[in-house]
């Protein structure tokens, strides 16, 4: 490589590669997702595997709020946005839950292996038990049991066009 090639960093003029276009299927840690006029950074990616059936949840964070974006492909693509809520369920998760004036009925439950990558911790591979609920309004409730700890999330289905995605790297 000649003098000018070294000076220009070894690239031909006009040969710069643009970052891969991001979608809900290929988000990376550090990407920015705009949802409801708020910019969130992708801070985690968890791939759930229930006997070969897989879905992905991305942890999104801004300065004040944390959301979870779930992408699942079954017969069709389902995209949902969740936020953690405080709800005490006791030792056993029931088949119906009353929460904030709505009744949520159990749609599905199971166990999955979860591989998680985050921006601030080593990669993790854990087991989770999960319960998915829905209300007549379309509102979703997800319960996850990590060891003895229960986490509860309320959410809704969204469309990909409700998100704007910017590559972080």
N, C-alpha and C. Protein backbone atom coordinates (compact mmCIF):
# COMPACT_ATOMS: atom_id res chain seq x y z
N UNK A 1 0.85 -1.16 0.00
CA UNK A 1 0.00 0.00 0.00
C UNK A 1 0.90 1.23 0.00
N UNK A 2 0.56 2.20 -0.79
CA UNK A 2 1.37 3.39 -0.93
C UNK A 2 1.12 4.41 0.16
N UNK A 3 1.80 5.54 0.01
CA UNK A 3 1.71 6.62 0.98
C UNK A 3 0.28 7.08 1.20
N UNK A 4 -0.46 7.35 0.11
CA UNK A 4 -1.84 7.85 0.24
C UNK A 4 -2.76 6.79 0.86
N UNK A 5 -2.54 5.52 0.54
CA UNK A 5 -3.34 4.45 1.13
C UNK A 5 -3.15 4.40 2.64
N UNK A 6 -1.91 4.52 3.08
CA UNK A 6 -1.65 4.54 4.52
C UNK A 6 -2.25 5.78 5.17
N UNK A 7 -2.12 6.92 4.51
CA UNK A 7 -2.65 8.16 5.05
C UNK A 7 -4.17 8.11 5.20
N UNK A 8 -4.84 7.46 4.26
CA UNK A 8 -6.30 7.36 4.29
C UNK A 8 -6.79 6.14 5.06
N UNK A 9 -5.92 5.46 5.76
CA UNK A 9 -6.34 4.33 6.57
C UNK A 9 -6.54 3.06 5.78
N UNK A 10 -5.99 2.94 4.61
CA UNK A 10 -6.08 1.71 3.85
C UNK A 10 -7.38 1.52 3.11
N UNK A 11 -8.24 2.51 3.09
CA UNK A 11 -9.52 2.38 2.39
C UNK A 11 -9.52 3.21 1.13
N UNK A 12 -10.17 2.70 0.13
CA UNK A 12 -10.36 3.49 -1.08
C UNK A 12 -11.43 4.52 -0.80
N UNK A 13 -11.32 5.67 -1.39
CA UNK A 13 -12.35 6.69 -1.21
C UNK A 13 -13.69 6.15 -1.69
N UNK A 14 -14.73 6.38 -0.89
CA UNK A 14 -16.07 5.94 -1.26
C UNK A 14 -16.34 4.48 -0.93
N UNK A 15 -15.40 3.77 -0.27
CA UNK A 15 -15.62 2.35 0.01
C UNK A 15 -16.05 2.11 1.45
N UNK A 16 -16.40 3.15 2.18
CA UNK A 16 -16.81 2.97 3.56
C UNK A 16 -18.05 2.08 3.61
N UNK A 17 -18.08 1.19 4.57
CA UNK A 17 -19.25 0.33 4.70
C UNK A 17 -20.20 0.96 5.71
N UNK A 18 -21.47 0.89 5.40
CA UNK A 18 -22.46 1.43 6.32
C UNK A 18 -22.81 0.34 7.31
N UNK A 19 -23.22 0.73 8.53
CA UNK A 19 -23.59 -0.27 9.52
C UNK A 19 -24.78 -1.09 9.02
N UNK A 20 -24.83 -2.33 9.46
CA UNK A 20 -25.95 -3.20 9.09
C UNK A 20 -27.25 -2.58 9.57
N UNK A 21 -28.26 -2.59 8.69
CA UNK A 21 -29.56 -2.05 9.09
C UNK A 21 -30.11 -2.91 10.22
N UNK A 22 -30.56 -2.24 11.28
CA UNK A 22 -31.06 -2.96 12.44
C UNK A 22 -32.58 -3.11 12.35
N UNK A 23 -33.03 -4.27 12.79
CA UNK A 23 -34.45 -4.56 12.93
C UNK A 23 -34.63 -5.19 14.31
N UNK A 24 -35.85 -5.54 14.65
CA UNK A 24 -36.08 -6.20 15.93
C UNK A 24 -35.45 -7.59 15.98
N UNK A 25 -35.01 -8.09 14.83
CA UNK A 25 -34.41 -9.42 14.78
C UNK A 25 -32.89 -9.42 14.96
N UNK A 26 -32.25 -8.26 14.84
CA UNK A 26 -30.79 -8.25 14.92
C UNK A 26 -30.24 -7.10 15.77
N UNK A 27 -31.00 -6.66 16.76
CA UNK A 27 -30.50 -5.61 17.65
C UNK A 27 -29.23 -6.07 18.35
N UNK A 28 -28.36 -5.12 18.65
CA UNK A 28 -27.12 -5.40 19.36
C UNK A 28 -27.04 -4.53 20.60
N UNK A 29 -26.25 -4.99 21.57
CA UNK A 29 -26.02 -4.18 22.75
C UNK A 29 -25.45 -2.84 22.32
N UNK A 30 -25.97 -1.76 22.89
CA UNK A 30 -25.51 -0.41 22.55
C UNK A 30 -26.35 0.27 21.48
N UNK A 31 -27.20 -0.46 20.77
CA UNK A 31 -28.10 0.16 19.80
C UNK A 31 -29.10 1.05 20.53
N UNK A 32 -29.69 1.99 19.81
CA UNK A 32 -30.70 2.89 20.37
C UNK A 32 -32.04 2.57 19.73
N UNK A 33 -33.06 2.40 20.58
CA UNK A 33 -34.42 2.15 20.13
C UNK A 33 -35.29 3.30 20.62
N UNK A 34 -35.93 3.99 19.70
CA UNK A 34 -36.85 5.06 20.07
C UNK A 34 -38.26 4.48 20.08
N UNK A 35 -38.93 4.67 21.23
CA UNK A 35 -40.30 4.17 21.41
C UNK A 35 -41.07 5.23 22.18
N UNK A 36 -42.21 5.63 21.63
CA UNK A 36 -43.05 6.67 22.24
C UNK A 36 -42.22 7.90 22.61
N UNK A 37 -41.48 8.41 21.65
CA UNK A 37 -40.62 9.60 21.67
C UNK A 37 -39.53 9.58 22.73
N UNK A 38 -39.17 8.40 23.22
CA UNK A 38 -38.08 8.27 24.18
C UNK A 38 -37.02 7.35 23.59
N UNK A 39 -35.76 7.76 23.73
CA UNK A 39 -34.63 6.95 23.26
C UNK A 39 -34.17 6.02 24.37
N UNK A 40 -34.08 4.73 24.05
CA UNK A 40 -33.62 3.72 24.99
C UNK A 40 -32.39 3.03 24.42
N UNK A 41 -31.44 2.71 25.28
CA UNK A 41 -30.27 1.94 24.86
C UNK A 41 -30.55 0.46 25.10
N UNK A 42 -30.12 -0.38 24.16
CA UNK A 42 -30.23 -1.82 24.34
C UNK A 42 -29.10 -2.23 25.28
N UNK A 43 -29.47 -2.69 26.49
CA UNK A 43 -28.48 -3.03 27.51
C UNK A 43 -28.39 -4.53 27.79
N UNK A 44 -29.33 -5.31 27.27
CA UNK A 44 -29.25 -6.76 27.42
C UNK A 44 -29.99 -7.45 26.28
N UNK A 45 -29.59 -8.68 26.06
CA UNK A 45 -30.26 -9.52 25.07
C UNK A 45 -30.36 -10.92 25.68
N UNK A 46 -31.58 -11.42 25.80
CA UNK A 46 -31.82 -12.75 26.35
C UNK A 46 -32.52 -13.60 25.30
N UNK A 47 -31.93 -14.76 25.02
CA UNK A 47 -32.54 -15.70 24.07
C UNK A 47 -33.09 -16.86 24.89
N UNK A 48 -34.40 -17.03 24.81
CA UNK A 48 -35.11 -18.09 25.53
C UNK A 48 -35.24 -19.29 24.60
N UNK A 49 -35.04 -20.49 25.15
CA UNK A 49 -35.16 -21.72 24.37
C UNK A 49 -35.99 -22.72 25.16
N UNK A 50 -37.20 -22.96 24.66
CA UNK A 50 -38.10 -23.94 25.27
C UNK A 50 -38.17 -25.14 24.33
N UNK A 51 -37.30 -26.11 24.57
CA UNK A 51 -37.27 -27.33 23.76
C UNK A 51 -37.17 -27.04 22.26
N UNK A 52 -36.31 -26.10 21.88
CA UNK A 52 -36.10 -25.78 20.47
C UNK A 52 -36.90 -24.60 19.96
N UNK A 53 -37.95 -24.18 20.67
CA UNK A 53 -38.71 -22.99 20.28
C UNK A 53 -38.03 -21.79 20.94
N UNK A 54 -37.67 -20.79 20.15
CA UNK A 54 -36.88 -19.65 20.67
C UNK A 54 -37.59 -18.33 20.49
N UNK A 55 -37.33 -17.43 21.45
CA UNK A 55 -37.75 -16.05 21.34
C UNK A 55 -36.72 -15.19 22.05
N UNK A 56 -36.72 -13.90 21.76
CA UNK A 56 -35.69 -13.00 22.26
C UNK A 56 -36.33 -11.83 23.01
N UNK A 57 -35.71 -11.45 24.11
CA UNK A 57 -36.11 -10.27 24.86
C UNK A 57 -34.90 -9.35 24.99
N UNK A 58 -35.10 -8.08 24.63
CA UNK A 58 -34.06 -7.07 24.75
C UNK A 58 -34.38 -6.16 25.92
N UNK A 59 -33.41 -5.93 26.78
CA UNK A 59 -33.56 -4.95 27.86
C UNK A 59 -33.24 -3.58 27.33
N UNK A 60 -34.16 -2.63 27.52
CA UNK A 60 -34.00 -1.26 27.05
C UNK A 60 -33.97 -0.33 28.26
N UNK A 61 -33.10 0.67 28.22
CA UNK A 61 -33.00 1.56 29.37
C UNK A 61 -32.72 2.98 28.91
N UNK A 62 -33.42 3.92 29.57
CA UNK A 62 -33.04 5.33 29.45
C UNK A 62 -32.67 5.78 30.85
N UNK A 63 -32.56 7.08 31.08
CA UNK A 63 -32.13 7.57 32.38
C UNK A 63 -33.12 7.25 33.50
N UNK A 64 -34.41 7.10 33.16
CA UNK A 64 -35.42 6.93 34.21
C UNK A 64 -36.23 5.65 34.12
N UNK A 65 -36.19 4.96 33.01
CA UNK A 65 -37.13 3.88 32.78
C UNK A 65 -36.43 2.67 32.17
N UNK A 66 -36.98 1.49 32.47
CA UNK A 66 -36.49 0.25 31.88
C UNK A 66 -37.67 -0.49 31.26
N UNK A 67 -37.50 -0.92 30.01
CA UNK A 67 -38.52 -1.68 29.29
C UNK A 67 -37.90 -2.96 28.75
N UNK A 68 -38.77 -3.91 28.39
CA UNK A 68 -38.34 -5.15 27.77
C UNK A 68 -39.10 -5.33 26.47
N UNK A 69 -38.35 -5.47 25.39
CA UNK A 69 -38.90 -5.66 24.05
C UNK A 69 -38.77 -7.15 23.72
N UNK A 70 -39.90 -7.80 23.51
CA UNK A 70 -39.90 -9.24 23.23
C UNK A 70 -40.29 -9.49 21.78
N UNK A 71 -39.52 -10.33 21.11
CA UNK A 71 -39.76 -10.67 19.71
C UNK A 71 -39.90 -12.18 19.61
N UNK A 72 -41.03 -12.59 19.08
CA UNK A 72 -41.35 -14.01 19.01
C UNK A 72 -41.92 -14.31 17.63
N UNK A 73 -41.43 -15.36 17.00
CA UNK A 73 -41.94 -15.76 15.70
C UNK A 73 -42.56 -17.15 15.85
N UNK A 74 -43.87 -17.21 15.73
CA UNK A 74 -44.58 -18.48 15.77
C UNK A 74 -45.21 -18.62 14.39
N UNK A 75 -46.51 -18.56 14.29
CA UNK A 75 -47.15 -18.53 12.96
C UNK A 75 -46.94 -17.16 12.33
N UNK A 76 -46.80 -16.15 13.17
CA UNK A 76 -46.53 -14.79 12.71
C UNK A 76 -45.60 -14.14 13.72
N UNK A 77 -45.05 -12.99 13.37
CA UNK A 77 -44.16 -12.28 14.27
C UNK A 77 -44.99 -11.53 15.31
N UNK A 78 -44.64 -11.72 16.58
CA UNK A 78 -45.28 -10.99 17.67
C UNK A 78 -44.23 -10.16 18.37
N UNK A 79 -44.48 -8.85 18.46
CA UNK A 79 -43.57 -7.93 19.12
C UNK A 79 -44.34 -7.32 20.29
N UNK A 80 -43.76 -7.36 21.47
CA UNK A 80 -44.43 -6.83 22.65
C UNK A 80 -43.46 -5.98 23.44
N UNK A 81 -44.01 -4.98 24.14
CA UNK A 81 -43.22 -4.12 25.00
C UNK A 81 -43.74 -4.28 26.42
N UNK A 82 -42.82 -4.56 27.36
CA UNK A 82 -43.18 -4.81 28.76
C UNK A 82 -42.46 -3.86 29.70
N UNK A 83 -43.10 -3.64 30.85
CA UNK A 83 -42.51 -2.88 31.94
C UNK A 83 -42.75 -3.67 33.23
N UNK A 84 -41.75 -3.74 34.09
CA UNK A 84 -41.91 -4.48 35.34
C UNK A 84 -42.91 -3.78 36.25
N UNK A 85 -43.75 -4.57 36.93
CA UNK A 85 -44.74 -4.04 37.87
C UNK A 85 -44.60 -4.76 39.20
N UNK A 86 -45.13 -4.13 40.23
CA UNK A 86 -45.12 -4.74 41.57
C UNK A 86 -46.43 -5.48 41.77
N UNK A 87 -46.31 -6.78 41.96
CA UNK A 87 -47.48 -7.62 42.19
C UNK A 87 -47.04 -8.84 42.97
N UNK A 88 -47.57 -9.00 44.17
CA UNK A 88 -47.27 -10.16 45.00
C UNK A 88 -48.20 -11.30 44.62
N UNK A 89 -47.62 -12.46 44.32
CA UNK A 89 -48.43 -13.59 43.89
C UNK A 89 -48.42 -14.75 44.87
N UNK A 90 -47.62 -14.70 45.88
CA UNK A 90 -47.54 -15.83 46.81
C UNK A 90 -46.61 -16.90 46.26
N UNK A 91 -46.77 -18.13 46.78
CA UNK A 91 -45.86 -19.21 46.39
C UNK A 91 -46.20 -19.84 45.05
N UNK A 92 -47.47 -19.88 44.70
CA UNK A 92 -47.89 -20.51 43.44
C UNK A 92 -48.51 -19.47 42.52
N UNK A 93 -48.18 -19.56 41.26
CA UNK A 93 -48.76 -18.64 40.28
C UNK A 93 -50.14 -19.19 39.90
N UNK A 94 -51.20 -18.38 40.08
CA UNK A 94 -52.55 -18.86 39.78
C UNK A 94 -52.84 -18.85 38.27
N UNK A 95 -53.97 -19.44 37.89
CA UNK A 95 -54.35 -19.47 36.47
C UNK A 95 -55.11 -18.21 36.05
N UNK A 96 -55.46 -17.38 37.03
CA UNK A 96 -56.13 -16.11 36.75
C UNK A 96 -55.62 -15.08 37.75
N UNK A 97 -55.35 -13.87 37.28
CA UNK A 97 -54.80 -12.82 38.14
C UNK A 97 -55.63 -11.55 37.95
N UNK A 98 -56.04 -10.93 39.07
CA UNK A 98 -56.69 -9.62 39.03
C UNK A 98 -55.61 -8.59 39.34
N UNK A 99 -55.47 -7.60 38.44
CA UNK A 99 -54.45 -6.57 38.63
C UNK A 99 -54.93 -5.26 38.02
N UNK A 100 -54.96 -4.22 38.84
CA UNK A 100 -55.34 -2.88 38.42
C UNK A 100 -56.63 -2.88 37.59
N UNK A 101 -57.63 -3.56 38.12
CA UNK A 101 -58.96 -3.53 37.52
C UNK A 101 -59.16 -4.44 36.32
N UNK A 102 -58.16 -5.25 35.99
CA UNK A 102 -58.29 -6.17 34.86
C UNK A 102 -58.09 -7.60 35.33
N UNK A 103 -58.74 -8.52 34.62
CA UNK A 103 -58.55 -9.94 34.90
C UNK A 103 -57.68 -10.52 33.79
N UNK A 104 -56.61 -11.17 34.20
CA UNK A 104 -55.67 -11.80 33.27
C UNK A 104 -55.79 -13.32 33.40
N UNK A 105 -56.01 -13.97 32.27
CA UNK A 105 -56.14 -15.43 32.25
C UNK A 105 -54.89 -16.05 31.64
N UNK A 106 -54.51 -17.18 32.18
CA UNK A 106 -53.31 -17.88 31.73
C UNK A 106 -53.47 -18.37 30.29
N UNK A 107 -52.51 -18.03 29.45
CA UNK A 107 -52.47 -18.48 28.06
C UNK A 107 -51.50 -19.63 27.88
N UNK A 108 -50.36 -19.52 28.58
CA UNK A 108 -49.29 -20.48 28.35
C UNK A 108 -48.34 -20.46 29.54
N UNK A 109 -47.74 -21.62 29.82
CA UNK A 109 -46.71 -21.68 30.85
C UNK A 109 -45.69 -22.71 30.43
N UNK A 110 -44.48 -22.60 31.01
CA UNK A 110 -43.45 -23.57 30.68
C UNK A 110 -42.14 -23.24 31.35
N UNK A 111 -41.10 -23.91 30.88
CA UNK A 111 -39.73 -23.68 31.36
C UNK A 111 -38.84 -23.48 30.13
N UNK A 112 -37.85 -22.63 30.30
CA UNK A 112 -36.93 -22.36 29.20
C UNK A 112 -35.52 -22.17 29.73
N UNK A 113 -34.57 -22.43 28.88
CA UNK A 113 -33.18 -22.09 29.16
C UNK A 113 -32.96 -20.71 28.55
N UNK A 114 -32.27 -19.84 29.29
CA UNK A 114 -32.10 -18.46 28.85
C UNK A 114 -30.61 -18.11 28.82
N UNK A 115 -30.14 -17.69 27.66
CA UNK A 115 -28.77 -17.20 27.50
C UNK A 115 -28.86 -15.68 27.42
N UNK A 116 -28.19 -15.00 28.35
CA UNK A 116 -28.28 -13.54 28.45
C UNK A 116 -26.91 -12.90 28.29
N UNK A 117 -26.88 -11.84 27.46
CA UNK A 117 -25.71 -10.98 27.33
C UNK A 117 -26.11 -9.60 27.83
N UNK A 118 -25.24 -8.96 28.62
CA UNK A 118 -25.52 -7.61 29.09
C UNK A 118 -24.29 -6.74 28.90
N UNK A 119 -24.50 -5.43 29.05
CA UNK A 119 -23.38 -4.51 28.90
C UNK A 119 -22.55 -4.41 30.17
N UNK A 120 -23.07 -4.90 31.31
CA UNK A 120 -22.36 -4.70 32.58
C UNK A 120 -22.11 -5.96 33.40
N UNK A 121 -22.41 -7.16 32.86
CA UNK A 121 -22.17 -8.40 33.58
C UNK A 121 -21.68 -9.47 32.61
N UNK A 122 -21.02 -10.50 33.15
CA UNK A 122 -20.63 -11.60 32.27
C UNK A 122 -21.87 -12.30 31.70
N UNK A 123 -21.71 -12.96 30.56
CA UNK A 123 -22.83 -13.71 29.97
C UNK A 123 -23.34 -14.74 30.96
N UNK A 124 -24.65 -14.97 30.94
CA UNK A 124 -25.27 -15.91 31.87
C UNK A 124 -26.11 -16.92 31.09
N UNK A 125 -26.21 -18.12 31.63
CA UNK A 125 -27.05 -19.16 31.05
C UNK A 125 -27.83 -19.75 32.21
N UNK A 126 -29.15 -19.50 32.25
CA UNK A 126 -29.96 -19.90 33.40
C UNK A 126 -31.26 -20.54 32.94
N UNK A 127 -31.97 -21.12 33.91
CA UNK A 127 -33.29 -21.69 33.69
C UNK A 127 -34.35 -20.73 34.23
N UNK A 128 -35.51 -20.68 33.57
CA UNK A 128 -36.61 -19.85 34.05
C UNK A 128 -37.92 -20.62 33.86
N UNK A 129 -38.82 -20.44 34.81
CA UNK A 129 -40.20 -20.88 34.63
C UNK A 129 -40.99 -19.64 34.25
N UNK A 130 -41.94 -19.78 33.33
CA UNK A 130 -42.68 -18.60 32.88
C UNK A 130 -44.17 -18.90 32.76
N UNK A 131 -44.96 -17.84 32.92
CA UNK A 131 -46.41 -17.89 32.75
C UNK A 131 -46.80 -16.66 31.95
N UNK A 132 -47.57 -16.84 30.88
CA UNK A 132 -48.03 -15.73 30.05
C UNK A 132 -49.54 -15.61 30.18
N UNK A 133 -50.00 -14.39 30.49
CA UNK A 133 -51.41 -14.10 30.69
C UNK A 133 -51.86 -13.02 29.73
N UNK A 134 -53.17 -12.95 29.47
CA UNK A 134 -53.73 -11.83 28.70
C UNK A 134 -55.08 -11.46 29.27
N UNK A 135 -55.45 -10.20 29.08
CA UNK A 135 -56.75 -9.68 29.48
C UNK A 135 -57.59 -9.47 28.23
N UNK A 136 -58.89 -9.33 28.41
CA UNK A 136 -59.79 -9.09 27.26
C UNK A 136 -59.40 -7.82 26.51
N UNK A 137 -58.80 -6.86 27.21
CA UNK A 137 -58.39 -5.60 26.58
C UNK A 137 -57.18 -5.76 25.66
N UNK A 138 -56.51 -6.93 25.74
CA UNK A 138 -55.29 -7.13 24.97
C UNK A 138 -54.03 -6.89 25.78
N UNK A 139 -54.18 -6.36 26.98
CA UNK A 139 -53.03 -6.15 27.85
C UNK A 139 -52.45 -7.50 28.25
N UNK A 140 -51.13 -7.56 28.33
CA UNK A 140 -50.42 -8.80 28.63
C UNK A 140 -49.81 -8.73 30.03
N UNK A 141 -49.67 -9.88 30.64
CA UNK A 141 -48.97 -9.99 31.92
C UNK A 141 -48.05 -11.19 31.79
N UNK A 142 -46.79 -11.00 32.12
CA UNK A 142 -45.81 -12.09 32.05
C UNK A 142 -45.20 -12.26 33.43
N UNK A 143 -45.10 -13.50 33.86
CA UNK A 143 -44.50 -13.82 35.15
C UNK A 143 -43.31 -14.74 34.87
N UNK A 144 -42.16 -14.40 35.47
CA UNK A 144 -40.98 -15.24 35.33
C UNK A 144 -40.46 -15.59 36.72
N UNK A 145 -40.07 -16.84 36.89
CA UNK A 145 -39.51 -17.29 38.17
C UNK A 145 -38.06 -17.69 37.94
N UNK A 146 -37.17 -16.91 38.55
CA UNK A 146 -35.73 -17.15 38.50
C UNK A 146 -35.33 -17.65 39.88
N UNK A 147 -35.14 -18.95 40.02
CA UNK A 147 -34.88 -19.52 41.35
C UNK A 147 -36.13 -19.33 42.19
N UNK A 148 -36.00 -18.65 43.32
CA UNK A 148 -37.17 -18.41 44.17
C UNK A 148 -37.79 -17.03 43.94
N UNK A 149 -37.20 -16.25 43.06
CA UNK A 149 -37.67 -14.87 42.81
C UNK A 149 -38.66 -14.81 41.65
N UNK A 150 -39.81 -14.18 41.89
CA UNK A 150 -40.81 -13.95 40.85
C UNK A 150 -40.71 -12.52 40.35
N UNK A 151 -40.74 -12.36 39.03
CA UNK A 151 -40.79 -11.03 38.42
C UNK A 151 -42.05 -10.97 37.58
N UNK A 152 -42.75 -9.81 37.63
CA UNK A 152 -44.01 -9.65 36.91
C UNK A 152 -43.89 -8.43 36.00
N UNK A 153 -44.36 -8.59 34.76
CA UNK A 153 -44.27 -7.55 33.75
C UNK A 153 -45.63 -7.36 33.09
N UNK A 154 -46.01 -6.10 32.87
CA UNK A 154 -47.24 -5.79 32.13
C UNK A 154 -46.81 -5.23 30.78
N UNK A 155 -47.56 -5.59 29.74
CA UNK A 155 -47.17 -5.11 28.43
C UNK A 155 -48.30 -5.13 27.43
N UNK A 156 -47.90 -4.87 26.20
CA UNK A 156 -48.86 -4.86 25.09
C UNK A 156 -48.14 -5.21 23.81
N UNK A 157 -48.90 -5.71 22.86
CA UNK A 157 -48.35 -5.98 21.53
C UNK A 157 -48.15 -4.65 20.82
N UNK A 158 -47.08 -4.57 20.08
CA UNK A 158 -46.80 -3.36 19.29
C UNK A 158 -46.44 -3.80 17.87
N UNK A 159 -46.34 -2.83 16.99
CA UNK A 159 -45.91 -3.07 15.61
C UNK A 159 -44.48 -2.54 15.45
N UNK A 160 -43.72 -3.17 14.58
CA UNK A 160 -42.33 -2.75 14.40
C UNK A 160 -42.23 -1.29 13.97
N UNK A 161 -43.21 -0.79 13.21
CA UNK A 161 -43.15 0.60 12.75
C UNK A 161 -43.27 1.60 13.91
N UNK A 162 -43.64 1.15 15.11
CA UNK A 162 -43.69 2.03 16.29
C UNK A 162 -42.31 2.28 16.86
N UNK A 163 -41.31 1.58 16.36
CA UNK A 163 -39.94 1.70 16.84
C UNK A 163 -39.06 2.32 15.77
N UNK A 164 -38.12 3.13 16.21
CA UNK A 164 -37.05 3.60 15.33
C UNK A 164 -35.76 3.08 15.93
N UNK A 165 -34.94 2.45 15.11
CA UNK A 165 -33.74 1.79 15.59
C UNK A 165 -32.51 2.42 14.96
N UNK A 166 -31.54 2.77 15.81
CA UNK A 166 -30.28 3.35 15.36
C UNK A 166 -29.14 2.46 15.80
N UNK A 167 -28.25 2.07 14.89
CA UNK A 167 -27.11 1.24 15.30
C UNK A 167 -26.23 2.00 16.28
N UNK A 168 -25.81 1.31 17.31
CA UNK A 168 -24.92 1.92 18.29
C UNK A 168 -23.45 1.68 17.95
N UNK A 169 -23.21 0.70 17.08
CA UNK A 169 -21.83 0.39 16.72
C UNK A 169 -21.74 -0.05 15.28
